[in-house]
N, C-alpha and C. Protein backbone atom coordinates (compact mmCIF):
# COMPACT_ATOMS: atom_id res chain seq x y z
N UNK A 1 0.83 -1.19 0.00
CA UNK A 1 0.00 0.00 0.00
C UNK A 1 0.87 1.25 0.00
N UNK A 2 0.27 2.39 -0.31
CA UNK A 2 1.06 3.60 -0.45
C UNK A 2 1.17 4.38 0.85
N UNK A 3 2.32 5.03 1.01
CA UNK A 3 2.57 5.94 2.12
C UNK A 3 2.83 7.31 1.51
N UNK A 4 2.11 8.31 2.00
CA UNK A 4 2.29 9.68 1.53
C UNK A 4 2.69 10.55 2.70
N UNK A 5 3.79 11.28 2.57
CA UNK A 5 4.22 12.25 3.57
C UNK A 5 3.79 13.63 3.08
N UNK A 6 3.08 14.36 3.94
CA UNK A 6 2.68 15.74 3.66
C UNK A 6 3.39 16.61 4.68
N UNK A 7 4.28 17.48 4.21
CA UNK A 7 5.06 18.29 5.13
C UNK A 7 5.06 19.74 4.69
N UNK A 8 5.46 20.61 5.61
CA UNK A 8 5.50 22.03 5.30
C UNK A 8 5.43 22.84 6.58
N UNK A 9 5.44 24.17 6.45
CA UNK A 9 5.41 25.02 7.63
C UNK A 9 4.02 25.09 8.28
N UNK A 10 3.97 25.69 9.45
CA UNK A 10 2.73 25.86 10.20
C UNK A 10 1.74 26.70 9.40
N UNK A 11 0.47 26.32 9.47
CA UNK A 11 -0.64 27.04 8.84
C UNK A 11 -0.51 27.15 7.33
N UNK A 12 0.16 26.19 6.73
CA UNK A 12 0.34 26.20 5.27
C UNK A 12 -0.80 25.49 4.55
N UNK A 13 -1.60 24.71 5.28
CA UNK A 13 -2.66 23.92 4.66
C UNK A 13 -2.35 22.43 4.62
N UNK A 14 -1.31 22.01 5.36
CA UNK A 14 -0.89 20.60 5.33
C UNK A 14 -2.02 19.65 5.70
N UNK A 15 -2.66 19.92 6.82
CA UNK A 15 -3.70 18.99 7.29
C UNK A 15 -4.88 18.94 6.34
N UNK A 16 -5.31 20.09 5.85
CA UNK A 16 -6.43 20.09 4.90
C UNK A 16 -6.07 19.32 3.64
N UNK A 17 -4.82 19.49 3.14
CA UNK A 17 -4.40 18.74 1.96
C UNK A 17 -4.37 17.24 2.26
N UNK A 18 -3.81 16.87 3.41
CA UNK A 18 -3.74 15.44 3.77
C UNK A 18 -5.14 14.84 3.84
N UNK A 19 -6.07 15.56 4.44
CA UNK A 19 -7.45 15.08 4.53
C UNK A 19 -8.06 14.92 3.14
N UNK A 20 -7.75 15.85 2.24
CA UNK A 20 -8.32 15.77 0.89
C UNK A 20 -7.84 14.53 0.14
N UNK A 21 -6.65 14.05 0.47
CA UNK A 21 -6.12 12.86 -0.19
C UNK A 21 -6.93 11.61 0.15
N UNK A 22 -7.65 11.64 1.27
CA UNK A 22 -8.42 10.47 1.70
C UNK A 22 -9.92 10.72 1.68
N UNK A 23 -10.36 11.83 1.11
CA UNK A 23 -11.79 12.18 1.09
C UNK A 23 -12.65 11.13 0.39
N UNK A 24 -12.08 10.39 -0.53
CA UNK A 24 -12.85 9.38 -1.26
C UNK A 24 -13.16 8.14 -0.45
N UNK A 25 -12.59 8.02 0.74
CA UNK A 25 -12.81 6.84 1.59
C UNK A 25 -13.87 7.16 2.64
N UNK A 26 -14.86 6.30 2.76
CA UNK A 26 -15.91 6.51 3.75
C UNK A 26 -15.39 6.33 5.17
N UNK A 27 -14.45 5.40 5.33
CA UNK A 27 -13.90 5.12 6.66
C UNK A 27 -12.40 5.37 6.64
N UNK A 28 -11.95 6.18 7.58
CA UNK A 28 -10.53 6.50 7.74
C UNK A 28 -10.23 6.52 9.22
N UNK A 29 -9.08 5.98 9.62
CA UNK A 29 -8.63 6.11 11.00
C UNK A 29 -7.72 7.32 11.09
N UNK A 30 -8.18 8.33 11.81
CA UNK A 30 -7.45 9.58 11.97
C UNK A 30 -6.67 9.49 13.28
N UNK A 31 -5.36 9.33 13.17
CA UNK A 31 -4.51 9.18 14.37
C UNK A 31 -4.02 10.56 14.78
N UNK A 32 -4.61 11.07 15.86
CA UNK A 32 -4.25 12.39 16.38
C UNK A 32 -3.19 12.21 17.47
N UNK A 33 -1.99 12.72 17.22
CA UNK A 33 -0.87 12.46 18.12
C UNK A 33 -0.69 13.55 19.19
N UNK A 34 -1.39 14.66 19.03
CA UNK A 34 -1.23 15.76 19.98
C UNK A 34 -2.19 15.64 21.15
N UNK A 35 -2.05 16.53 22.13
CA UNK A 35 -2.98 16.54 23.25
C UNK A 35 -4.41 16.78 22.75
N UNK A 36 -5.38 16.12 23.37
CA UNK A 36 -6.77 16.30 22.97
C UNK A 36 -7.28 17.65 23.46
N UNK A 37 -8.45 18.06 22.96
CA UNK A 37 -9.07 19.30 23.42
C UNK A 37 -9.37 19.21 24.91
N UNK A 38 -9.80 18.02 25.36
CA UNK A 38 -10.08 17.85 26.79
C UNK A 38 -8.82 17.99 27.62
N UNK A 39 -7.69 17.45 27.13
CA UNK A 39 -6.43 17.57 27.85
C UNK A 39 -6.04 19.03 28.04
N UNK A 40 -6.36 19.86 27.06
CA UNK A 40 -5.99 21.27 27.14
C UNK A 40 -6.70 21.97 28.28
N UNK A 41 -7.85 21.43 28.70
CA UNK A 41 -8.60 22.05 29.79
C UNK A 41 -8.34 21.38 31.14
N UNK A 42 -7.59 20.30 31.15
CA UNK A 42 -7.31 19.59 32.40
C UNK A 42 -6.00 20.00 33.04
N UNK A 43 -5.20 20.77 32.34
CA UNK A 43 -3.92 21.21 32.89
C UNK A 43 -4.12 22.44 33.74
N UNK A 44 -3.10 22.76 34.54
CA UNK A 44 -3.17 23.96 35.38
C UNK A 44 -3.25 25.22 34.52
N UNK A 45 -2.49 25.24 33.44
CA UNK A 45 -2.52 26.38 32.53
C UNK A 45 -3.41 26.01 31.34
N UNK A 46 -4.64 26.45 31.36
CA UNK A 46 -5.60 26.08 30.32
C UNK A 46 -5.16 26.67 28.98
N UNK A 47 -5.09 25.82 27.97
CA UNK A 47 -4.64 26.23 26.65
C UNK A 47 -5.86 26.28 25.73
N UNK A 48 -6.60 27.38 25.78
CA UNK A 48 -7.82 27.48 24.98
C UNK A 48 -7.51 27.54 23.49
N UNK A 49 -6.37 28.11 23.12
CA UNK A 49 -6.00 28.19 21.70
C UNK A 49 -5.78 26.79 21.13
N UNK A 50 -5.09 25.92 21.89
CA UNK A 50 -4.87 24.55 21.41
C UNK A 50 -6.19 23.81 21.30
N UNK A 51 -7.05 23.98 22.31
CA UNK A 51 -8.35 23.31 22.29
C UNK A 51 -9.15 23.76 21.07
N UNK A 52 -9.07 25.04 20.72
CA UNK A 52 -9.76 25.56 19.54
C UNK A 52 -9.21 24.92 18.27
N UNK A 53 -7.88 24.80 18.16
CA UNK A 53 -7.26 24.15 16.99
C UNK A 53 -7.76 22.72 16.83
N UNK A 54 -7.77 21.99 17.94
CA UNK A 54 -8.19 20.59 17.91
C UNK A 54 -9.65 20.48 17.46
N UNK A 55 -10.50 21.34 17.99
CA UNK A 55 -11.93 21.28 17.63
C UNK A 55 -12.16 21.61 16.16
N UNK A 56 -11.39 22.54 15.61
CA UNK A 56 -11.51 22.85 14.18
C UNK A 56 -11.17 21.63 13.34
N UNK A 57 -10.11 20.92 13.73
CA UNK A 57 -9.73 19.69 13.02
C UNK A 57 -10.86 18.67 13.11
N UNK A 58 -11.41 18.51 14.31
CA UNK A 58 -12.45 17.51 14.52
C UNK A 58 -13.70 17.82 13.69
N UNK A 59 -14.07 19.08 13.64
CA UNK A 59 -15.31 19.48 12.98
C UNK A 59 -15.27 19.28 11.47
N UNK A 60 -14.09 19.32 10.85
CA UNK A 60 -14.06 19.18 9.40
C UNK A 60 -13.87 17.73 8.93
N UNK A 61 -13.71 16.80 9.88
CA UNK A 61 -13.59 15.39 9.48
C UNK A 61 -14.96 14.81 9.12
N UNK A 62 -15.01 14.01 8.07
CA UNK A 62 -16.28 13.37 7.70
C UNK A 62 -16.79 12.47 8.84
N UNK A 63 -18.10 12.25 8.91
CA UNK A 63 -18.67 11.50 10.03
C UNK A 63 -18.21 10.05 10.12
N UNK A 64 -17.79 9.43 9.02
CA UNK A 64 -17.36 8.04 9.06
C UNK A 64 -15.92 7.83 9.52
N UNK A 65 -15.22 8.91 9.75
CA UNK A 65 -13.82 8.80 10.15
C UNK A 65 -13.72 8.57 11.65
N UNK A 66 -12.92 7.60 12.03
CA UNK A 66 -12.68 7.29 13.43
C UNK A 66 -11.45 8.05 13.91
N UNK A 67 -11.57 8.77 15.02
CA UNK A 67 -10.43 9.49 15.59
C UNK A 67 -9.82 8.63 16.69
N UNK A 68 -8.52 8.42 16.59
CA UNK A 68 -7.77 7.66 17.57
C UNK A 68 -6.71 8.58 18.15
N UNK A 69 -6.85 8.98 19.41
CA UNK A 69 -5.89 9.87 20.05
C UNK A 69 -4.85 9.00 20.76
N UNK A 70 -3.65 8.95 20.17
CA UNK A 70 -2.61 8.07 20.71
C UNK A 70 -1.24 8.51 20.23
N UNK A 71 -0.23 8.13 21.01
CA UNK A 71 1.16 8.31 20.59
C UNK A 71 1.72 7.01 20.06
N UNK A 72 0.94 5.95 20.12
CA UNK A 72 1.38 4.63 19.64
C UNK A 72 1.04 4.51 18.16
N UNK A 73 1.65 5.36 17.35
CA UNK A 73 1.36 5.41 15.93
C UNK A 73 1.73 4.10 15.25
N UNK A 74 2.84 3.52 15.66
CA UNK A 74 3.29 2.27 15.04
C UNK A 74 2.22 1.20 15.14
N UNK A 75 1.65 1.03 16.33
CA UNK A 75 0.61 0.02 16.53
C UNK A 75 -0.64 0.37 15.75
N UNK A 76 -1.01 1.65 15.72
CA UNK A 76 -2.20 2.07 14.98
C UNK A 76 -2.07 1.74 13.51
N UNK A 77 -0.89 1.94 12.94
CA UNK A 77 -0.67 1.64 11.52
C UNK A 77 -0.70 0.13 11.29
N UNK A 78 -0.04 -0.62 12.17
CA UNK A 78 0.00 -2.09 12.01
C UNK A 78 -1.39 -2.71 12.09
N UNK A 79 -2.24 -2.18 12.97
CA UNK A 79 -3.54 -2.79 13.24
C UNK A 79 -4.66 -2.23 12.36
N UNK A 80 -4.38 -1.25 11.53
CA UNK A 80 -5.42 -0.57 10.77
C UNK A 80 -6.04 -1.47 9.71
N UNK A 81 -7.35 -1.35 9.57
CA UNK A 81 -8.08 -2.04 8.51
C UNK A 81 -8.72 -1.04 7.55
N UNK A 82 -8.56 0.24 7.83
CA UNK A 82 -9.02 1.31 6.96
C UNK A 82 -7.83 2.24 6.70
N UNK A 83 -7.90 3.10 5.67
CA UNK A 83 -6.82 4.05 5.46
C UNK A 83 -6.55 4.86 6.74
N UNK A 84 -5.30 5.28 6.88
CA UNK A 84 -4.86 5.98 8.10
C UNK A 84 -4.33 7.36 7.74
N UNK A 85 -4.70 8.33 8.56
CA UNK A 85 -4.11 9.67 8.46
C UNK A 85 -3.48 9.97 9.82
N UNK A 86 -2.18 10.19 9.84
CA UNK A 86 -1.46 10.51 11.07
C UNK A 86 -1.17 12.00 11.08
N UNK A 87 -1.63 12.70 12.11
CA UNK A 87 -1.42 14.14 12.20
C UNK A 87 -1.07 14.48 13.65
N UNK A 88 0.20 14.77 13.96
CA UNK A 88 1.31 14.90 13.05
C UNK A 88 2.57 14.35 13.72
N UNK A 89 3.66 14.25 12.96
CA UNK A 89 4.91 13.71 13.49
C UNK A 89 5.56 14.62 14.52
N UNK A 90 5.36 15.93 14.42
CA UNK A 90 5.96 16.85 15.40
C UNK A 90 5.43 16.62 16.79
N UNK A 91 4.12 16.44 16.93
CA UNK A 91 3.56 16.19 18.26
C UNK A 91 3.87 14.77 18.72
N UNK A 92 4.01 13.83 17.77
CA UNK A 92 4.42 12.47 18.13
C UNK A 92 5.83 12.49 18.71
N UNK A 93 6.73 13.19 18.04
CA UNK A 93 8.12 13.28 18.52
C UNK A 93 8.15 13.91 19.91
N UNK A 94 7.39 14.96 20.12
CA UNK A 94 7.33 15.61 21.43
C UNK A 94 6.87 14.62 22.50
N UNK A 95 5.85 13.83 22.19
CA UNK A 95 5.34 12.87 23.16
C UNK A 95 6.37 11.80 23.48
N UNK A 96 7.12 11.34 22.48
CA UNK A 96 8.15 10.33 22.72
C UNK A 96 9.23 10.89 23.64
N UNK A 97 9.67 12.12 23.39
CA UNK A 97 10.70 12.72 24.24
C UNK A 97 10.14 13.00 25.63
N UNK A 98 8.87 13.37 25.73
CA UNK A 98 8.25 13.60 27.04
C UNK A 98 8.33 12.37 27.93
N UNK A 99 8.26 11.18 27.32
CA UNK A 99 8.33 9.93 28.09
C UNK A 99 9.67 9.81 28.82
N UNK A 100 10.73 10.27 28.19
CA UNK A 100 12.07 10.21 28.77
C UNK A 100 12.36 11.44 29.61
N UNK A 101 11.98 12.58 29.07
CA UNK A 101 12.25 13.86 29.72
C UNK A 101 13.25 14.67 28.91
N UNK A 102 13.01 15.96 28.85
CA UNK A 102 13.82 16.85 28.04
C UNK A 102 15.15 17.19 28.71
N UNK A 103 15.33 16.73 29.94
CA UNK A 103 16.60 16.99 30.64
C UNK A 103 17.62 15.88 30.40
N UNK A 104 17.23 14.83 29.67
CA UNK A 104 18.15 13.74 29.34
C UNK A 104 18.09 13.49 27.84
N UNK A 105 18.67 14.40 27.08
CA UNK A 105 18.58 14.33 25.63
C UNK A 105 19.31 13.13 25.03
N UNK A 106 20.45 12.68 25.60
CA UNK A 106 21.06 11.46 25.05
C UNK A 106 20.14 10.24 25.15
N UNK A 107 19.42 10.12 26.29
CA UNK A 107 18.48 9.01 26.43
C UNK A 107 17.31 9.18 25.47
N UNK A 108 16.85 10.41 25.29
CA UNK A 108 15.77 10.68 24.35
C UNK A 108 16.21 10.33 22.92
N UNK A 109 17.45 10.64 22.59
CA UNK A 109 17.99 10.32 21.27
C UNK A 109 17.98 8.81 21.03
N UNK A 110 18.38 8.04 22.04
CA UNK A 110 18.38 6.58 21.90
C UNK A 110 16.95 6.06 21.72
N UNK A 111 16.02 6.60 22.52
CA UNK A 111 14.63 6.17 22.42
C UNK A 111 14.07 6.51 21.03
N UNK A 112 14.37 7.69 20.54
CA UNK A 112 13.88 8.08 19.22
C UNK A 112 14.46 7.20 18.12
N UNK A 113 15.72 6.81 18.25
CA UNK A 113 16.32 5.92 17.25
C UNK A 113 15.50 4.65 17.11
N UNK A 114 15.13 4.09 18.25
CA UNK A 114 14.34 2.86 18.25
C UNK A 114 12.94 3.10 17.70
N UNK A 115 12.29 4.14 18.19
CA UNK A 115 10.91 4.40 17.79
C UNK A 115 10.80 4.76 16.31
N UNK A 116 11.76 5.51 15.78
CA UNK A 116 11.71 5.88 14.36
C UNK A 116 11.89 4.64 13.49
N UNK A 117 12.80 3.74 13.88
CA UNK A 117 12.95 2.48 13.13
C UNK A 117 11.65 1.68 13.15
N UNK A 118 11.02 1.61 14.32
CA UNK A 118 9.75 0.88 14.44
C UNK A 118 8.66 1.53 13.60
N UNK A 119 8.62 2.86 13.63
CA UNK A 119 7.61 3.58 12.86
C UNK A 119 7.79 3.37 11.36
N UNK A 120 9.01 3.53 10.87
CA UNK A 120 9.22 3.36 9.43
C UNK A 120 8.97 1.92 8.99
N UNK A 121 9.30 0.96 9.85
CA UNK A 121 9.00 -0.44 9.54
C UNK A 121 7.50 -0.67 9.44
N UNK A 122 6.74 -0.07 10.35
CA UNK A 122 5.28 -0.21 10.33
C UNK A 122 4.71 0.42 9.07
N UNK A 123 5.25 1.58 8.68
CA UNK A 123 4.77 2.23 7.46
C UNK A 123 5.07 1.40 6.22
N UNK A 124 6.26 0.83 6.15
CA UNK A 124 6.62 -0.01 5.00
C UNK A 124 5.70 -1.23 4.90
N UNK A 125 5.33 -1.78 6.04
CA UNK A 125 4.51 -3.00 6.06
C UNK A 125 3.01 -2.71 6.05
N UNK A 126 2.60 -1.45 6.00
CA UNK A 126 1.18 -1.10 6.09
C UNK A 126 0.36 -1.81 5.01
N UNK A 127 -0.80 -2.30 5.42
CA UNK A 127 -1.71 -2.99 4.51
C UNK A 127 -2.81 -2.08 3.98
N UNK A 128 -2.76 -0.81 4.38
CA UNK A 128 -3.75 0.19 3.95
C UNK A 128 -3.00 1.46 3.55
N UNK A 129 -3.62 2.33 2.76
CA UNK A 129 -2.96 3.60 2.46
C UNK A 129 -2.76 4.42 3.74
N UNK A 130 -1.60 5.07 3.85
CA UNK A 130 -1.29 5.89 5.02
C UNK A 130 -0.82 7.25 4.54
N UNK A 131 -1.41 8.30 5.13
CA UNK A 131 -0.97 9.67 4.90
C UNK A 131 -0.44 10.20 6.22
N UNK A 132 0.78 10.70 6.20
CA UNK A 132 1.45 11.20 7.41
C UNK A 132 1.73 12.68 7.25
N UNK A 133 1.31 13.47 8.24
CA UNK A 133 1.54 14.92 8.22
C UNK A 133 2.71 15.24 9.15
N UNK A 134 3.56 16.16 8.73
CA UNK A 134 4.65 16.61 9.58
C UNK A 134 4.92 18.09 9.33
N UNK A 135 5.73 18.68 10.20
CA UNK A 135 6.12 20.08 10.08
C UNK A 135 7.55 20.19 9.61
N UNK A 136 7.84 21.28 8.93
CA UNK A 136 9.21 21.65 8.61
C UNK A 136 9.56 22.82 9.52
N UNK A 137 10.46 22.59 10.47
CA UNK A 137 10.76 23.63 11.47
C UNK A 137 12.16 24.20 11.34
N UNK A 138 12.96 23.68 10.45
CA UNK A 138 14.36 24.10 10.38
C UNK A 138 14.65 25.17 9.37
N UNK A 139 13.65 25.93 8.95
CA UNK A 139 13.85 26.94 7.91
C UNK A 139 14.04 28.34 8.49
N UNK A 140 14.15 28.44 9.78
CA UNK A 140 14.21 29.76 10.39
C UNK A 140 15.42 29.83 11.31
N UNK A 141 15.27 30.53 12.42
CA UNK A 141 16.37 30.71 13.36
C UNK A 141 16.75 29.41 14.04
N UNK A 142 18.00 29.30 14.41
CA UNK A 142 18.45 28.18 15.23
C UNK A 142 17.99 28.45 16.66
N UNK A 143 17.27 27.51 17.28
CA UNK A 143 16.79 27.73 18.65
C UNK A 143 17.94 28.04 19.61
N UNK A 144 17.63 28.79 20.65
CA UNK A 144 18.65 29.20 21.61
C UNK A 144 18.83 28.20 22.75
N UNK A 145 17.98 27.18 22.82
CA UNK A 145 18.09 26.18 23.88
C UNK A 145 18.51 24.84 23.30
N UNK A 146 19.13 24.02 24.14
CA UNK A 146 19.54 22.68 23.70
C UNK A 146 18.32 21.84 23.33
N UNK A 147 17.24 21.94 24.10
CA UNK A 147 16.05 21.15 23.80
C UNK A 147 15.40 21.62 22.50
N UNK A 148 15.42 22.93 22.24
CA UNK A 148 14.87 23.44 20.98
C UNK A 148 15.66 22.96 19.77
N UNK A 149 17.00 22.99 19.90
CA UNK A 149 17.84 22.50 18.80
C UNK A 149 17.66 21.00 18.62
N UNK A 150 17.53 20.28 19.72
CA UNK A 150 17.31 18.83 19.66
C UNK A 150 16.02 18.53 18.90
N UNK A 151 14.93 19.22 19.26
CA UNK A 151 13.65 19.00 18.58
C UNK A 151 13.77 19.29 17.09
N UNK A 152 14.36 20.42 16.75
CA UNK A 152 14.51 20.81 15.36
C UNK A 152 15.31 19.77 14.57
N UNK A 153 16.44 19.35 15.14
CA UNK A 153 17.27 18.34 14.48
C UNK A 153 16.55 17.01 14.32
N UNK A 154 15.92 16.57 15.41
CA UNK A 154 15.27 15.26 15.39
C UNK A 154 14.08 15.23 14.44
N UNK A 155 13.33 16.33 14.36
CA UNK A 155 12.21 16.34 13.43
C UNK A 155 12.70 16.33 11.99
N UNK A 156 13.80 17.03 11.72
CA UNK A 156 14.38 16.98 10.38
C UNK A 156 14.81 15.57 10.01
N UNK A 157 15.47 14.88 10.94
CA UNK A 157 15.88 13.49 10.70
C UNK A 157 14.68 12.57 10.52
N UNK A 158 13.66 12.77 11.33
CA UNK A 158 12.45 11.95 11.24
C UNK A 158 11.76 12.16 9.89
N UNK A 159 11.61 13.41 9.48
CA UNK A 159 10.98 13.68 8.18
C UNK A 159 11.76 13.02 7.05
N UNK A 160 13.09 13.10 7.11
CA UNK A 160 13.92 12.49 6.06
C UNK A 160 13.76 10.97 6.06
N UNK A 161 13.67 10.37 7.24
CA UNK A 161 13.52 8.92 7.33
C UNK A 161 12.18 8.47 6.74
N UNK A 162 11.12 9.20 7.04
CA UNK A 162 9.80 8.85 6.51
C UNK A 162 9.76 9.13 5.00
N UNK A 163 10.35 10.23 4.59
CA UNK A 163 10.40 10.55 3.16
C UNK A 163 11.11 9.47 2.38
N UNK A 164 12.16 8.89 2.96
CA UNK A 164 12.95 7.87 2.27
C UNK A 164 12.15 6.61 1.95
N UNK A 165 11.11 6.33 2.75
CA UNK A 165 10.32 5.11 2.51
C UNK A 165 8.96 5.43 1.89
N UNK A 166 8.62 6.72 1.79
CA UNK A 166 7.31 7.10 1.27
C UNK A 166 7.23 6.96 -0.24
N UNK A 167 6.05 6.62 -0.73
CA UNK A 167 5.80 6.55 -2.16
C UNK A 167 5.57 7.94 -2.75
N UNK A 168 4.98 8.81 -1.94
CA UNK A 168 4.66 10.17 -2.37
C UNK A 168 5.08 11.13 -1.26
N UNK A 169 5.63 12.28 -1.66
CA UNK A 169 5.99 13.33 -0.71
C UNK A 169 5.46 14.64 -1.26
N UNK A 170 4.61 15.30 -0.47
CA UNK A 170 4.02 16.58 -0.87
C UNK A 170 4.50 17.66 0.10
N UNK A 171 5.03 18.73 -0.43
CA UNK A 171 5.42 19.89 0.35
C UNK A 171 4.34 20.95 0.17
N UNK A 172 3.74 21.39 1.27
CA UNK A 172 2.69 22.40 1.22
C UNK A 172 3.26 23.70 1.77
N UNK A 173 3.28 24.73 0.93
CA UNK A 173 3.81 26.04 1.31
C UNK A 173 2.83 27.11 0.85
N UNK A 174 2.43 28.00 1.77
CA UNK A 174 1.54 29.11 1.43
C UNK A 174 0.28 28.65 0.70
N UNK A 175 -0.25 27.50 1.12
CA UNK A 175 -1.46 26.99 0.52
C UNK A 175 -1.29 26.35 -0.84
N UNK A 176 -0.04 26.13 -1.25
CA UNK A 176 0.25 25.49 -2.54
C UNK A 176 0.93 24.15 -2.28
N UNK A 177 0.68 23.20 -3.17
CA UNK A 177 1.24 21.85 -3.02
C UNK A 177 2.30 21.62 -4.08
N UNK A 178 3.48 21.23 -3.63
CA UNK A 178 4.56 20.83 -4.53
C UNK A 178 4.74 19.32 -4.38
N UNK A 179 4.67 18.59 -5.46
CA UNK A 179 4.85 17.14 -5.42
C UNK A 179 6.34 16.84 -5.58
N UNK A 180 6.95 16.37 -4.50
CA UNK A 180 8.38 16.05 -4.49
C UNK A 180 8.63 14.56 -4.72
N UNK A 181 7.60 13.82 -5.06
CA UNK A 181 7.71 12.36 -5.14
C UNK A 181 8.81 11.90 -6.09
N UNK A 182 9.02 12.59 -7.17
CA UNK A 182 10.04 12.18 -8.13
C UNK A 182 11.39 12.83 -7.92
N UNK A 183 11.51 13.65 -6.88
CA UNK A 183 12.78 14.34 -6.63
C UNK A 183 13.83 13.36 -6.12
N UNK A 184 15.08 13.67 -6.42
CA UNK A 184 16.19 12.81 -5.97
C UNK A 184 16.29 12.81 -4.46
N UNK A 185 16.65 11.67 -3.90
CA UNK A 185 16.89 11.54 -2.47
C UNK A 185 18.33 11.89 -2.16
N UNK A 186 18.54 12.56 -1.04
CA UNK A 186 19.90 12.80 -0.55
C UNK A 186 20.45 11.44 -0.12
N UNK A 187 21.73 11.12 -0.41
CA UNK A 187 22.28 9.83 0.03
C UNK A 187 22.07 9.62 1.52
N UNK A 188 21.76 8.40 1.87
CA UNK A 188 21.45 8.07 3.26
C UNK A 188 22.68 8.19 4.15
N UNK A 189 22.45 8.72 5.35
CA UNK A 189 23.52 8.82 6.34
C UNK A 189 23.44 7.66 7.31
N UNK A 190 24.14 7.77 8.41
CA UNK A 190 24.23 6.66 9.35
C UNK A 190 23.15 6.68 10.42
N UNK A 191 22.50 7.83 10.64
CA UNK A 191 21.53 7.94 11.73
C UNK A 191 20.13 7.67 11.25
N UNK A 192 19.52 6.58 11.69
CA UNK A 192 18.14 6.23 11.42
C UNK A 192 17.80 6.24 9.93
N UNK A 193 18.77 5.97 9.11
CA UNK A 193 18.50 5.91 7.68
C UNK A 193 18.17 7.26 7.08
N UNK A 194 18.54 8.34 7.78
CA UNK A 194 18.22 9.67 7.28
C UNK A 194 19.47 10.33 6.72
N UNK A 195 19.28 11.30 5.83
CA UNK A 195 20.44 12.01 5.30
C UNK A 195 21.19 12.77 6.39
N UNK A 196 22.49 12.94 6.20
CA UNK A 196 23.26 13.75 7.13
C UNK A 196 22.89 15.21 6.95
N UNK A 197 23.06 15.98 8.00
CA UNK A 197 22.76 17.42 7.92
C UNK A 197 23.80 18.10 7.04
């Protein structure tokens, strides 16, 4: 089955484009990797903006689509019997690092190495079409904190690893879609099968 990576900057239209790729399917498993709208109201610092974002995503999904809120994307892909839309890899990566803690980045790096291999293996073996959404965060300033640089680097590596196994890669910028599927791949590096920086 096909794997499509949809990537690009924030508010570029990535999620809407990814959803449009699966509009022809009555049943889709929508894997939401970020905090739920309810989670945003259960914390000490209520994040009404995040809850609003989540609700907008929920409201535009067709009624036959099942929403699965989980960080266990690998299992969701392996067990799927309907097409899958994963939104998004940036919040998945954050959740994986949260399990270890941002104060132990070497341990987080080791955990991510394992999880990215498991994720790409699950995508390669998928028995249903899968569309994966991710962010491109490395096009601007270099973060001033070690954890910010770690996130930026790791998401770049993760995107490259998923792109390397994807059948289709779409870059969404300013509401426009560029199909990178036929573009040359950068030679693979040693870390998680991703290109070197």
